[in-house]
Amino acid sequence: MHATDPHFFGYGSLVNRRTHVYGGARPAVAEGWRRVWRHTALRPFAILTAVPAPGTRIEGLVAAVPGADWAALDEREFAYDRVLTADVSHDLAPPPEVAIYTIPEDKHPPAPEPTAILLSYLDVVVQGYLREFGEAGVARFFETTDGWEAPVLQDRADPAYPRAQPLTPQELALVDHWLDRLACPLLQA
């Protein structure tokens, strides 16, 4: 890793360090962004994305992309556009170039009806936020994400998310607490 390496800002599963190999990740805040569950015909499940939203901020991690070798990360985030943003606060000096992955609303054809949020994916995201920002950070994640009216597919027994992680009973209870609090409809896999 070099001081001139570009960085990405992760705001979903990339906050969970167990899901990637990018070392040196550190907490950061993206100003003017908000998360939303996007429903496209491209995938059978809802996709978490960040969208421009003046006056809003989301927490996440920044991490270097050594040698600007974006190939693996771009493949992982194939449904997204990688865009540079100057609106990320962090403690890196000198400040590196930072990209965020986003799905513009008109990028993909919309799904004919809302698609389900994978619980195995949501578990990974919440686990990452809990480990990086504590329970208050988990609360901020749910509060700065739109689209909780979508159904949540209960796939914990047979995770459909390829980077699913084991969660402790306390982590599972925290996810379930928020789903109950938001009255998210649950579907059995």
Protein backbone atom coordinates (compact mmCIF):
# COMPACT_ATOMS: atom_id res chain seq x y z
CA MET A 1 0.00 0.00 0.00
CA HIS A 2 1.31 3.41 -1.00
CA ALA A 3 0.16 6.90 -0.05
CA THR A 4 -0.88 7.45 -3.67
CA ASP A 5 -3.12 4.37 -3.88
CA PRO A 6 -6.76 5.20 -4.51
CA HIS A 7 -9.30 4.17 -1.88
CA PHE A 8 -12.89 3.00 -1.86
CA PHE A 9 -15.61 3.95 0.60
CA GLY A 10 -17.58 0.90 1.74
CA TYR A 11 -21.02 1.42 3.28
CA GLY A 12 -22.56 -2.09 3.19
CA SER A 13 -20.88 -5.49 3.25
CA LEU A 14 -17.48 -3.85 2.71
CA VAL A 15 -17.74 -2.51 6.26
CA ASN A 16 -17.35 -6.12 7.40
CA ARG A 17 -13.61 -6.73 7.11
CA ARG A 18 -14.22 -10.49 6.87
CA THR A 19 -15.71 -10.01 3.39
CA HIS A 20 -12.63 -8.56 1.67
CA VAL A 21 -8.85 -8.58 1.58
CA TYR A 22 -8.23 -4.82 1.60
CA GLY A 23 -6.00 -4.10 4.59
CA GLY A 24 -5.62 -0.84 6.45
CA ALA A 25 -9.35 -0.08 6.35
CA ARG A 26 -10.38 2.75 8.63
CA PRO A 27 -13.61 4.44 9.68
CA ALA A 28 -14.87 7.26 7.48
CA VAL A 29 -17.99 9.33 6.83
CA ALA A 30 -19.50 10.16 3.44
CA GLU A 31 -21.32 13.51 3.48
CA GLY A 32 -24.28 13.98 1.18
CA TRP A 33 -25.00 10.27 0.71
CA ARG A 34 -27.75 7.92 1.95
CA ARG A 35 -28.23 4.16 1.56
CA VAL A 36 -31.27 2.70 -0.21
CA TRP A 37 -32.38 -0.80 -1.16
CA ARG A 38 -32.52 -0.81 -4.97
CA HIS A 39 -34.77 -3.30 -6.82
CA THR A 40 -33.59 -4.09 -10.35
CA ALA A 41 -34.34 -6.73 -12.95
CA LEU A 42 -30.60 -7.46 -12.92
CA ARG A 43 -30.67 -9.43 -9.66
CA PRO A 44 -33.31 -11.51 -7.90
CA PHE A 45 -32.62 -9.74 -4.59
CA ALA A 46 -32.52 -6.13 -3.43
CA ILE A 47 -29.15 -4.39 -3.74
CA LEU A 48 -27.90 -1.93 -1.14
CA THR A 49 -26.61 1.23 -2.79
CA ALA A 50 -25.63 4.75 -1.82
CA VAL A 51 -27.36 7.67 -3.48
CA PRO A 52 -26.69 11.40 -3.33
CA ALA A 53 -28.73 12.99 -0.54
CA PRO A 54 -27.80 16.52 0.54
CA GLY A 55 -27.76 17.00 4.29
CA THR A 56 -27.30 13.29 5.03
CA ARG A 57 -24.20 11.39 6.06
CA ILE A 58 -23.35 7.71 6.28
CA GLU A 59 -20.58 5.91 8.09
CA GLY A 60 -18.41 3.28 6.51
CA LEU A 61 -14.81 2.32 5.89
CA VAL A 62 -12.18 3.53 3.48
CA ALA A 63 -9.50 1.14 2.29
CA ALA A 64 -6.71 1.31 -0.26
CA VAL A 65 -6.85 -0.40 -3.63
CA PRO A 66 -3.14 -1.27 -4.06
CA GLY A 67 -1.69 -0.18 -7.39
CA ALA A 68 -5.15 1.06 -8.47
CA ASP A 69 -5.97 -2.56 -9.37
CA TRP A 70 -9.75 -2.18 -9.34
CA ALA A 71 -10.46 -5.40 -11.31
CA ALA A 72 -11.47 -7.66 -8.39
CA LEU A 73 -13.49 -5.01 -6.60
CA ASP A 74 -15.21 -3.90 -9.81
CA GLU A 75 -16.13 -7.53 -10.49
CA ARG A 76 -17.57 -7.89 -6.99
CA GLU A 77 -19.55 -4.66 -7.43
CA PHE A 78 -20.46 -5.30 -11.10
CA ALA A 79 -23.95 -3.81 -10.87
CA TYR A 80 -22.58 -0.47 -9.63
CA ASP A 81 -20.87 2.58 -11.08
CA ARG A 82 -17.60 3.48 -9.38
CA VAL A 83 -17.48 7.26 -8.98
CA LEU A 84 -14.99 9.56 -7.35
CA THR A 85 -16.24 11.59 -4.43
CA ALA A 86 -14.59 14.38 -2.46
CA ASP A 87 -17.18 14.15 0.28
CA VAL A 88 -15.54 11.48 2.47
CA SER A 89 -14.02 12.45 5.81
CA HIS A 90 -11.25 10.25 7.23
CA ASP A 91 -7.95 10.51 9.05
CA LEU A 92 -5.65 9.75 6.11
CA ALA A 93 -2.92 12.21 5.19
CA PRO A 94 -2.33 13.14 2.52
CA PRO A 95 -5.96 12.60 1.52
CA PRO A 96 -6.21 9.91 -1.17
CA GLU A 97 -8.60 9.76 -4.10
CA VAL A 98 -11.77 8.01 -2.84
CA ALA A 99 -14.38 6.20 -4.93
CA ILE A 100 -17.85 5.09 -3.93
CA TYR A 101 -19.94 2.45 -5.67
CA THR A 102 -23.44 3.65 -6.54
CA ILE A 103 -26.33 2.53 -8.68
CA PRO A 104 -28.07 5.45 -10.36
CA GLU A 105 -31.84 4.96 -10.36
CA ASP A 106 -31.96 4.66 -14.16
CA LYS A 107 -28.93 2.36 -14.57
CA HIS A 108 -30.86 -0.94 -14.62
CA PRO A 109 -34.41 -1.81 -15.57
CA PRO A 110 -36.54 -1.81 -12.42
CA ALA A 111 -37.85 -5.05 -11.01
CA PRO A 112 -41.57 -5.55 -11.70
CA GLU A 113 -42.16 -5.65 -7.94
CA PRO A 114 -39.97 -5.17 -4.87
CA THR A 115 -37.40 -7.92 -4.48
CA ALA A 116 -36.42 -9.42 -1.14
CA ILE A 117 -33.52 -8.31 1.03
CA LEU A 118 -31.31 -11.31 1.82
CA LEU A 119 -31.10 -11.75 5.58
CA SER A 120 -27.69 -13.41 5.16
CA TYR A 121 -26.47 -10.22 3.49
CA LEU A 122 -28.05 -7.93 6.08
CA ASP A 123 -26.47 -10.04 8.86
CA VAL A 124 -23.02 -9.44 7.35
CA VAL A 125 -23.61 -5.69 7.06
CA VAL A 126 -24.89 -5.34 10.63
CA GLN A 127 -22.01 -7.45 11.96
CA GLY A 128 -19.57 -5.07 10.27
CA TYR A 129 -21.27 -1.96 11.64
CA LEU A 130 -21.44 -3.44 15.13
CA ARG A 131 -17.73 -4.26 15.14
CA GLU A 132 -16.69 -0.90 13.69
CA PHE A 133 -19.17 1.54 15.26
CA GLY A 134 -20.93 -0.31 18.11
CA GLU A 135 -24.68 -0.55 18.68
CA ALA A 136 -25.08 3.19 18.07
CA GLY A 137 -23.48 2.70 14.65
CA VAL A 138 -25.93 -0.12 13.88
CA ALA A 139 -28.79 2.22 14.79
CA ARG A 140 -27.36 4.89 12.47
CA PHE A 141 -27.07 2.29 9.68
CA PHE A 142 -30.77 1.42 9.90
CA GLU A 143 -31.80 5.07 10.29
CA THR A 144 -29.82 6.23 7.22
CA THR A 145 -31.07 3.44 4.94
CA ASP A 146 -34.34 3.62 3.01
CA GLY A 147 -36.45 0.78 1.65
CA TRP A 148 -37.25 -1.29 4.73
CA GLU A 149 -40.75 -1.95 3.40
CA ALA A 150 -39.22 -4.63 1.13
CA PRO A 151 -39.62 -8.21 2.32
CA VAL A 152 -36.64 -9.86 4.03
CA LEU A 153 -35.86 -13.42 2.95
CA GLN A 154 -35.01 -15.61 5.96
CA ASP A 155 -32.08 -17.52 4.40
CA ARG A 156 -29.86 -17.97 7.47
CA ALA A 157 -30.13 -21.78 7.38
CA ASP A 158 -28.93 -21.86 3.76
CA PRO A 159 -27.36 -18.47 2.98
CA ALA A 160 -27.78 -17.20 -0.57
CA TYR A 161 -25.24 -14.42 0.03
CA PRO A 162 -21.82 -15.70 -1.12
CA ARG A 163 -19.85 -13.95 1.65
CA ALA A 164 -22.17 -14.92 4.51
CA GLN A 165 -20.52 -15.01 7.95
CA PRO A 166 -21.37 -16.80 11.18
CA LEU A 167 -22.91 -14.43 13.74
CA THR A 168 -22.96 -14.70 17.51
CA PRO A 169 -26.35 -15.08 19.23
CA GLN A 170 -26.04 -11.43 20.33
CA GLU A 171 -25.41 -10.26 16.76
CA LEU A 172 -28.38 -12.27 15.48
CA ALA A 173 -30.59 -10.83 18.22
CA LEU A 174 -29.53 -7.29 17.27
CA VAL A 175 -30.46 -7.81 13.60
CA ASP A 176 -33.78 -9.38 14.62
CA HIS A 177 -34.48 -6.49 17.01
CA TRP A 178 -34.12 -3.95 14.19
CA LEU A 179 -36.24 -5.99 11.78
CA ASP A 180 -38.98 -6.14 14.43
CA ARG A 181 -38.64 -2.45 15.20
CA LEU A 182 -38.99 -1.54 11.52
CA ALA A 183 -41.81 -4.08 11.04
CA CYS A 184 -40.01 -5.63 8.07
CA PRO A 185 -42.03 -8.41 6.44
CA LEU A 186 -40.21 -11.76 6.67
CA LEU A 187 -40.37 -14.45 4.00
CA GLN A 188 -39.27 -18.03 4.67
CA ALA A 189 -36.68 -19.40 2.23
